[in-house]
Amino acid sequence: MIRPVTKMLTMIGLIMIGGCATDNMRQGLYEGFRVQSNLQSSPPERVGKPESPNYQDYERLKKERLEH
């Protein structure tokens, strides 16, 4: 019986933390996924492909898309 309650409280805590994420946390997550994605492909595989935008460029592009 303790196990389902613990799982539910853990999920509620994670949702609350995620909902209160600051810009620094979002930027860190974005940059982490971007670096991980870049490391998963070898340099020859990346030739000719555009580099993924950094967080500031990503936010700027997102705002531009929302305005149009």
PDB file of N, CA and C in Angstrom:
ATOM      1  N   MET A   1       0.815  -1.191   0.000  1.00  0.00           N
ATOM      2  CA  MET A   1       0.000   0.000   0.000  1.00  0.00           C
ATOM      3  C   MET A   1       0.857   1.252   0.000  1.00  0.00           C
ATOM      4  N   ILE A   2       1.988   1.210   0.623  1.00  0.00           N
ATOM      5  CA  ILE A   2       2.842   2.390   0.679  1.00  0.00           C
ATOM      6  C   ILE A   2       3.393   2.706  -0.699  1.00  0.00           C
ATOM      7  N   ARG A   3       3.645   1.703  -1.492  1.00  0.00           N
ATOM      8  CA  ARG A   3       4.267   1.902  -2.795  1.00  0.00           C
ATOM      9  C   ARG A   3       3.440   2.796  -3.735  1.00  0.00           C
ATOM     10  N   PRO A   4       2.151   2.570  -3.940  1.00  0.00           N
ATOM     11  CA  PRO A   4       1.382   3.465  -4.827  1.00  0.00           C
ATOM     12  C   PRO A   4       1.326   4.900  -4.320  1.00  0.00           C
ATOM     13  N   VAL A   5       1.220   5.073  -3.018  1.00  0.00           N
ATOM     14  CA  VAL A   5       1.178   6.422  -2.462  1.00  0.00           C
ATOM     15  C   VAL A   5       2.516   7.116  -2.696  1.00  0.00           C
ATOM     16  N   THR A   6       3.603   6.410  -2.502  1.00  0.00           N
ATOM     17  CA  THR A   6       4.934   6.976  -2.718  1.00  0.00           C
ATOM     18  C   THR A   6       5.112   7.363  -4.175  1.00  0.00           C
ATOM     19  N   LYS A   7       4.682   6.509  -5.088  1.00  0.00           N
ATOM     20  CA  LYS A   7       4.774   6.817  -6.516  1.00  0.00           C
ATOM     21  C   LYS A   7       3.961   8.062  -6.859  1.00  0.00           C
ATOM     22  N   MET A   8       2.760   8.149  -6.304  1.00  0.00           N
ATOM     23  CA  MET A   8       1.899   9.283  -6.593  1.00  0.00           C
ATOM     24  C   MET A   8       2.520  10.578  -6.055  1.00  0.00           C
ATOM     25  N   LEU A   9       3.047  10.556  -4.854  1.00  0.00           N
ATOM     26  CA  LEU A   9       3.673  11.745  -4.289  1.00  0.00           C
ATOM     27  C   LEU A   9       4.927  12.143  -5.068  1.00  0.00           C
ATOM     28  N   THR A  10       5.675  11.158  -5.523  1.00  0.00           N
ATOM     29  CA  THR A  10       6.857  11.435  -6.341  1.00  0.00           C
ATOM     30  C   THR A  10       6.451  12.106  -7.639  1.00  0.00           C
ATOM     31  N   MET A  11       5.428  11.602  -8.294  1.00  0.00           N
ATOM     32  CA  MET A  11       4.961  12.190  -9.555  1.00  0.00           C
ATOM     33  C   MET A  11       4.456  13.614  -9.337  1.00  0.00           C
ATOM     34  N   ILE A  12       3.727  13.843  -8.276  1.00  0.00           N
ATOM     35  CA  ILE A  12       3.239  15.190  -7.988  1.00  0.00           C
ATOM     36  C   ILE A  12       4.411  16.134  -7.759  1.00  0.00           C
ATOM     37  N   GLY A  13       5.422  15.677  -7.029  1.00  0.00           N
ATOM     38  CA  GLY A  13       6.606  16.500  -6.796  1.00  0.00           C
ATOM     39  C   GLY A  13       7.340  16.828  -8.078  1.00  0.00           C
ATOM     40  N   LEU A  14       7.494  15.835  -8.954  1.00  0.00           N
ATOM     41  CA  LEU A  14       8.170  16.072 -10.227  1.00  0.00           C
ATOM     42  C   LEU A  14       7.402  17.044 -11.114  1.00  0.00           C
ATOM     43  N   ILE A  15       6.098  16.923 -11.120  1.00  0.00           N
ATOM     44  CA  ILE A  15       5.267  17.841 -11.906  1.00  0.00           C
ATOM     45  C   ILE A  15       5.394  19.263 -11.363  1.00  0.00           C
ATOM     46  N   MET A  16       5.413  19.403 -10.056  1.00  0.00           N
ATOM     47  CA  MET A  16       5.542  20.735  -9.462  1.00  0.00           C
ATOM     48  C   MET A  16       6.905  21.338  -9.779  1.00  0.00           C
ATOM     49  N   ILE A  17       7.949  20.538  -9.706  1.00  0.00           N
ATOM     50  CA  ILE A  17       9.288  21.039 -10.026  1.00  0.00           C
ATOM     51  C   ILE A  17       9.358  21.440 -11.491  1.00  0.00           C
ATOM     52  N   GLY A  18       8.815  20.622 -12.361  1.00  0.00           N
ATOM     53  CA  GLY A  18       8.818  20.927 -13.788  1.00  0.00           C
ATOM     54  C   GLY A  18       8.024  22.172 -14.118  1.00  0.00           C
ATOM     55  N   GLY A  19       6.935  22.384 -13.432  1.00  0.00           N
ATOM     56  CA  GLY A  19       6.112  23.561 -13.672  1.00  0.00           C
ATOM     57  C   GLY A  19       6.751  24.840 -13.177  1.00  0.00           C
ATOM     58  N   CYS A  20       7.654  24.726 -12.253  1.00  0.00           N
ATOM     59  CA  CYS A  20       8.312  25.902 -11.687  1.00  0.00           C
ATOM     60  C   CYS A  20       9.713  26.095 -12.264  1.00  0.00           C
ATOM     61  N   ALA A  21       9.993  25.457 -13.374  1.00  0.00           N
ATOM     62  CA  ALA A  21      11.336  25.526 -13.955  1.00  0.00           C
ATOM     63  C   ALA A  21      11.688  26.962 -14.328  1.00  0.00           C
ATOM     64  N   THR A  22      12.864  27.359 -13.979  1.00  0.00           N
ATOM     65  CA  THR A  22      13.340  28.698 -14.307  1.00  0.00           C
ATOM     66  C   THR A  22      13.962  28.691 -15.693  1.00  0.00           C
ATOM     67  N   ASP A  23      14.239  29.886 -16.204  1.00  0.00           N
ATOM     68  CA  ASP A  23      14.879  29.986 -17.509  1.00  0.00           C
ATOM     69  C   ASP A  23      16.233  29.291 -17.515  1.00  0.00           C
ATOM     70  N   ASN A  24      16.968  29.404 -16.409  1.00  0.00           N
ATOM     71  CA  ASN A  24      18.276  28.749 -16.341  1.00  0.00           C
ATOM     72  C   ASN A  24      18.150  27.235 -16.448  1.00  0.00           C
ATOM     73  N   MET A  25      17.126  26.675 -15.811  1.00  0.00           N
ATOM     74  CA  MET A  25      16.927  25.227 -15.870  1.00  0.00           C
ATOM     75  C   MET A  25      16.541  24.812 -17.294  1.00  0.00           C
ATOM     76  N   ARG A  26      15.632  25.569 -17.916  1.00  0.00           N
ATOM     77  CA  ARG A  26      15.236  25.257 -19.288  1.00  0.00           C
ATOM     78  C   ARG A  26      16.418  25.376 -20.236  1.00  0.00           C
ATOM     79  N   GLN A  27      17.228  26.408 -20.043  1.00  0.00           N
ATOM     80  CA  GLN A  27      18.399  26.589 -20.895  1.00  0.00           C
ATOM     81  C   GLN A  27      19.383  25.435 -20.700  1.00  0.00           C
ATOM     82  N   GLY A  28      19.595  25.027 -19.470  1.00  0.00           N
ATOM     83  CA  GLY A  28      20.497  23.914 -19.192  1.00  0.00           C
ATOM     84  C   GLY A  28      20.022  22.621 -19.821  1.00  0.00           C
ATOM     85  N   LEU A  29      18.726  22.355 -19.723  1.00  0.00           N
ATOM     86  CA  LEU A  29      18.177  21.153 -20.344  1.00  0.00           C
ATOM     87  C   LEU A  29      18.328  21.199 -21.865  1.00  0.00           C
ATOM     88  N   TYR A  30      18.007  22.348 -22.454  1.00  0.00           N
ATOM     89  CA  TYR A  30      18.110  22.491 -23.905  1.00  0.00           C
ATOM     90  C   TYR A  30      19.552  22.267 -24.364  1.00  0.00           C
ATOM     91  N   GLU A  31      20.493  22.943 -23.706  1.00  0.00           N
ATOM     92  CA  GLU A  31      21.897  22.821 -24.092  1.00  0.00           C
ATOM     93  C   GLU A  31      22.395  21.393 -23.876  1.00  0.00           C
ATOM     94  N   GLY A  32      21.955  20.746 -22.807  1.00  0.00           N
ATOM     95  CA  GLY A  32      22.356  19.362 -22.557  1.00  0.00           C
ATOM     96  C   GLY A  32      21.893  18.430 -23.655  1.00  0.00           C
ATOM     97  N   PHE A  33      20.629  18.561 -24.069  1.00  0.00           N
ATOM     98  CA  PHE A  33      20.116  17.722 -25.149  1.00  0.00           C
ATOM     99  C   PHE A  33      20.796  18.044 -26.469  1.00  0.00           C
ATOM    100  N   ARG A  34      21.114  19.319 -26.685  1.00  0.00           N
ATOM    101  CA  ARG A  34      21.785  19.718 -27.922  1.00  0.00           C
ATOM    102  C   ARG A  34      23.186  19.104 -28.001  1.00  0.00           C
ATOM    103  N   VAL A  35      23.929  19.182 -26.907  1.00  0.00           N
ATOM    104  CA  VAL A  35      25.276  18.608 -26.876  1.00  0.00           C
ATOM    105  C   VAL A  35      25.213  17.095 -27.021  1.00  0.00           C
ATOM    106  N   GLN A  36      24.268  16.462 -26.338  1.00  0.00           N
ATOM    107  CA  GLN A  36      24.134  15.012 -26.441  1.00  0.00           C
ATOM    108  C   GLN A  36      23.834  14.605 -27.879  1.00  0.00           C
ATOM    109  N   SER A  37      22.967  15.336 -28.521  1.00  0.00           N
ATOM    110  CA  SER A  37      22.635  15.044 -29.913  1.00  0.00           C
ATOM    111  C   SER A  37      23.855  15.200 -30.811  1.00  0.00           C
ATOM    112  N   ASN A  38      24.645  16.242 -30.579  1.00  0.00           N
ATOM    113  CA  ASN A  38      25.853  16.454 -31.381  1.00  0.00           C
ATOM    114  C   ASN A  38      26.881  15.359 -31.146  1.00  0.00           C
ATOM    115  N   LEU A  39      26.983  14.863 -29.923  1.00  0.00           N
ATOM    116  CA  LEU A  39      27.970  13.829 -29.612  1.00  0.00           C
ATOM    117  C   LEU A  39      27.579  12.459 -30.145  1.00  0.00           C
ATOM    118  N   GLN A  40      26.302  12.250 -30.393  1.00  0.00           N
ATOM    119  CA  GLN A  40      25.853  10.944 -30.871  1.00  0.00           C
ATOM    120  C   GLN A  40      26.153  10.725 -32.347  1.00  0.00           C
ATOM    121  N   SER A  41      26.423  11.779 -33.076  1.00  0.00           N
ATOM    122  CA  SER A  41      26.772  11.610 -34.490  1.00  0.00           C
ATOM    123  C   SER A  41      28.245  11.960 -34.677  1.00  0.00           C
ATOM    124  N   SER A  42      28.892  11.227 -35.555  1.00  0.00           N
ATOM    125  CA  SER A  42      30.314  11.457 -35.785  1.00  0.00           C
ATOM    126  C   SER A  42      30.509  12.693 -36.666  1.00  0.00           C
ATOM    127  N   PRO A  43      31.695  13.283 -36.647  1.00  0.00           N
ATOM    128  CA  PRO A  43      31.940  14.478 -37.473  1.00  0.00           C
ATOM    129  C   PRO A  43      31.608  14.276 -38.961  1.00  0.00           C
ATOM    130  N   PRO A  44      31.961  13.134 -39.568  1.00  0.00           N
ATOM    131  CA  PRO A  44      31.569  12.966 -40.986  1.00  0.00           C
ATOM    132  C   PRO A  44      30.053  12.977 -41.208  1.00  0.00           C
ATOM    133  N   GLU A  45      29.293  12.494 -40.221  1.00  0.00           N
ATOM    134  CA  GLU A  45      27.830  12.501 -40.352  1.00  0.00           C
ATOM    135  C   GLU A  45      27.262  13.918 -40.262  1.00  0.00           C
ATOM    136  N   ARG A  46      27.979  14.817 -39.577  1.00  0.00           N
ATOM    137  CA  ARG A  46      27.489  16.185 -39.398  1.00  0.00           C
ATOM    138  C   ARG A  46      27.864  17.111 -40.546  1.00  0.00           C
ATOM    139  N   VAL A  47      28.710  16.646 -41.458  1.00  0.00           N
ATOM    140  CA  VAL A  47      29.143  17.496 -42.578  1.00  0.00           C
ATOM    141  C   VAL A  47      27.926  17.838 -43.434  1.00  0.00           C
ATOM    142  N   GLY A  48      27.754  19.107 -43.708  1.00  0.00           N
ATOM    143  CA  GLY A  48      26.658  19.556 -44.561  1.00  0.00           C
ATOM    144  C   GLY A  48      25.354  19.798 -43.820  1.00  0.00           C
ATOM    145  N   LYS A  49      25.282  19.414 -42.570  1.00  0.00           N
ATOM    146  CA  LYS A  49      24.067  19.643 -41.791  1.00  0.00           C
ATOM    147  C   LYS A  49      24.237  20.924 -40.983  1.00  0.00           C
ATOM    148  N   PRO A  50      23.196  21.735 -40.897  1.00  0.00           N
ATOM    149  CA  PRO A  50      23.321  22.966 -40.092  1.00  0.00           C
ATOM    150  C   PRO A  50      23.445  22.627 -38.610  1.00  0.00           C
ATOM    151  N   GLU A  51      24.210  23.440 -37.902  1.00  0.00           N
ATOM    152  CA  GLU A  51      24.366  23.235 -36.467  1.00  0.00           C
ATOM    153  C   GLU A  51      23.081  23.662 -35.769  1.00  0.00           C
ATOM    154  N   SER A  52      22.698  22.929 -34.741  1.00  0.00           N
ATOM    155  CA  SER A  52      21.482  23.286 -34.023  1.00  0.00           C
ATOM    156  C   SER A  52      21.696  24.608 -33.292  1.00  0.00           C
ATOM    157  N   PRO A  53      20.646  25.429 -33.210  1.00  0.00           N
ATOM    158  CA  PRO A  53      20.801  26.765 -32.608  1.00  0.00           C
ATOM    159  C   PRO A  53      21.032  26.679 -31.101  1.00  0.00           C
ATOM    160  N   ASN A  54      21.741  27.681 -30.560  1.00  0.00           N
ATOM    161  CA  ASN A  54      21.893  27.735 -29.111  1.00  0.00           C
ATOM    162  C   ASN A  54      20.570  28.196 -28.507  1.00  0.00           C
ATOM    163  N   TYR A  55      20.508  28.249 -27.189  1.00  0.00           N
ATOM    164  CA  TYR A  55      19.235  28.518 -26.520  1.00  0.00           C
ATOM    165  C   TYR A  55      18.678  29.895 -26.847  1.00  0.00           C
ATOM    166  N   GLN A  56      19.540  30.909 -26.898  1.00  0.00           N
ATOM    167  CA  GLN A  56      19.064  32.263 -27.189  1.00  0.00           C
ATOM    168  C   GLN A  56      18.484  32.333 -28.610  1.00  0.00           C
ATOM    169  N   ASP A  57      19.156  31.720 -29.565  1.00  0.00           N
ATOM    170  CA  ASP A  57      18.640  31.694 -30.938  1.00  0.00           C
ATOM    171  C   ASP A  57      17.333  30.914 -31.009  1.00  0.00           C
ATOM    172  N   TYR A  58      17.271  29.808 -30.274  1.00  0.00           N
ATOM    173  CA  TYR A  58      16.055  28.998 -30.235  1.00  0.00           C
ATOM    174  C   TYR A  58      14.870  29.818 -29.719  1.00  0.00           C
ATOM    175  N   GLU A  59      15.070  30.541 -28.612  1.00  0.00           N
ATOM    176  CA  GLU A  59      13.995  31.367 -28.056  1.00  0.00           C
ATOM    177  C   GLU A  59      13.588  32.472 -29.028  1.00  0.00           C
ATOM    178  N   ARG A  60      14.558  33.089 -29.695  1.00  0.00           N
ATOM    179  CA  ARG A  60      14.259  34.147 -30.657  1.00  0.00           C
ATOM    180  C   ARG A  60      13.438  33.591 -31.825  1.00  0.00           C
ATOM    181  N   LEU A  61      13.851  32.433 -32.351  1.00  0.00           N
ATOM    182  CA  LEU A  61      13.110  31.820 -33.455  1.00  0.00           C
ATOM    183  C   LEU A  61      11.697  31.424 -33.027  1.00  0.00           C
ATOM    184  N   LYS A  62      11.576  30.939 -31.799  1.00  0.00           N
ATOM    185  CA  LYS A  62      10.250  30.554 -31.291  1.00  0.00           C
ATOM    186  C   LYS A  62       9.329  31.760 -31.204  1.00  0.00           C
ATOM    187  N   LYS A  63       9.841  32.886 -30.723  1.00  0.00           N
ATOM    188  CA  LYS A  63       9.031  34.105 -30.633  1.00  0.00           C
ATOM    189  C   LYS A  63       8.642  34.616 -32.005  1.00  0.00           C
ATOM    190  N   GLU A  64       9.568  34.541 -32.963  1.00  0.00           N
ATOM    191  CA  GLU A  64       9.260  34.975 -34.329  1.00  0.00           C
ATOM    192  C   GLU A  64       8.143  34.137 -34.936  1.00  0.00           C
ATOM    193  N   ARG A  65       8.171  32.837 -34.701  1.00  0.00           N
ATOM    194  CA  ARG A  65       7.131  31.949 -35.249  1.00  0.00           C
ATOM    195  C   ARG A  65       5.777  32.241 -34.619  1.00  0.00           C
ATOM    196  N   LEU A  66       5.776  32.563 -33.335  1.00  0.00           N
ATOM    197  CA  LEU A  66       4.507  32.854 -32.661  1.00  0.00           C
ATOM    198  C   LEU A  66       3.900  34.168 -33.126  1.00  0.00           C
ATOM    199  N   GLU A  67       4.739  35.125 -33.508  1.00  0.00           N
ATOM    200  CA  GLU A  67       4.239  36.427 -33.954  1.00  0.00           C
ATOM    201  C   GLU A  67       3.630  36.354 -35.344  1.00  0.00           C
ATOM    202  N   HIS A  68       4.047  35.405 -36.155  1.00  0.00           N
ATOM    203  CA  HIS A  68       3.531  35.311 -37.530  1.00  0.00           C
ATOM    204  C   HIS A  68       2.386  34.377 -37.628  1.00  0.00           C
TER     205      HIS A  68
END
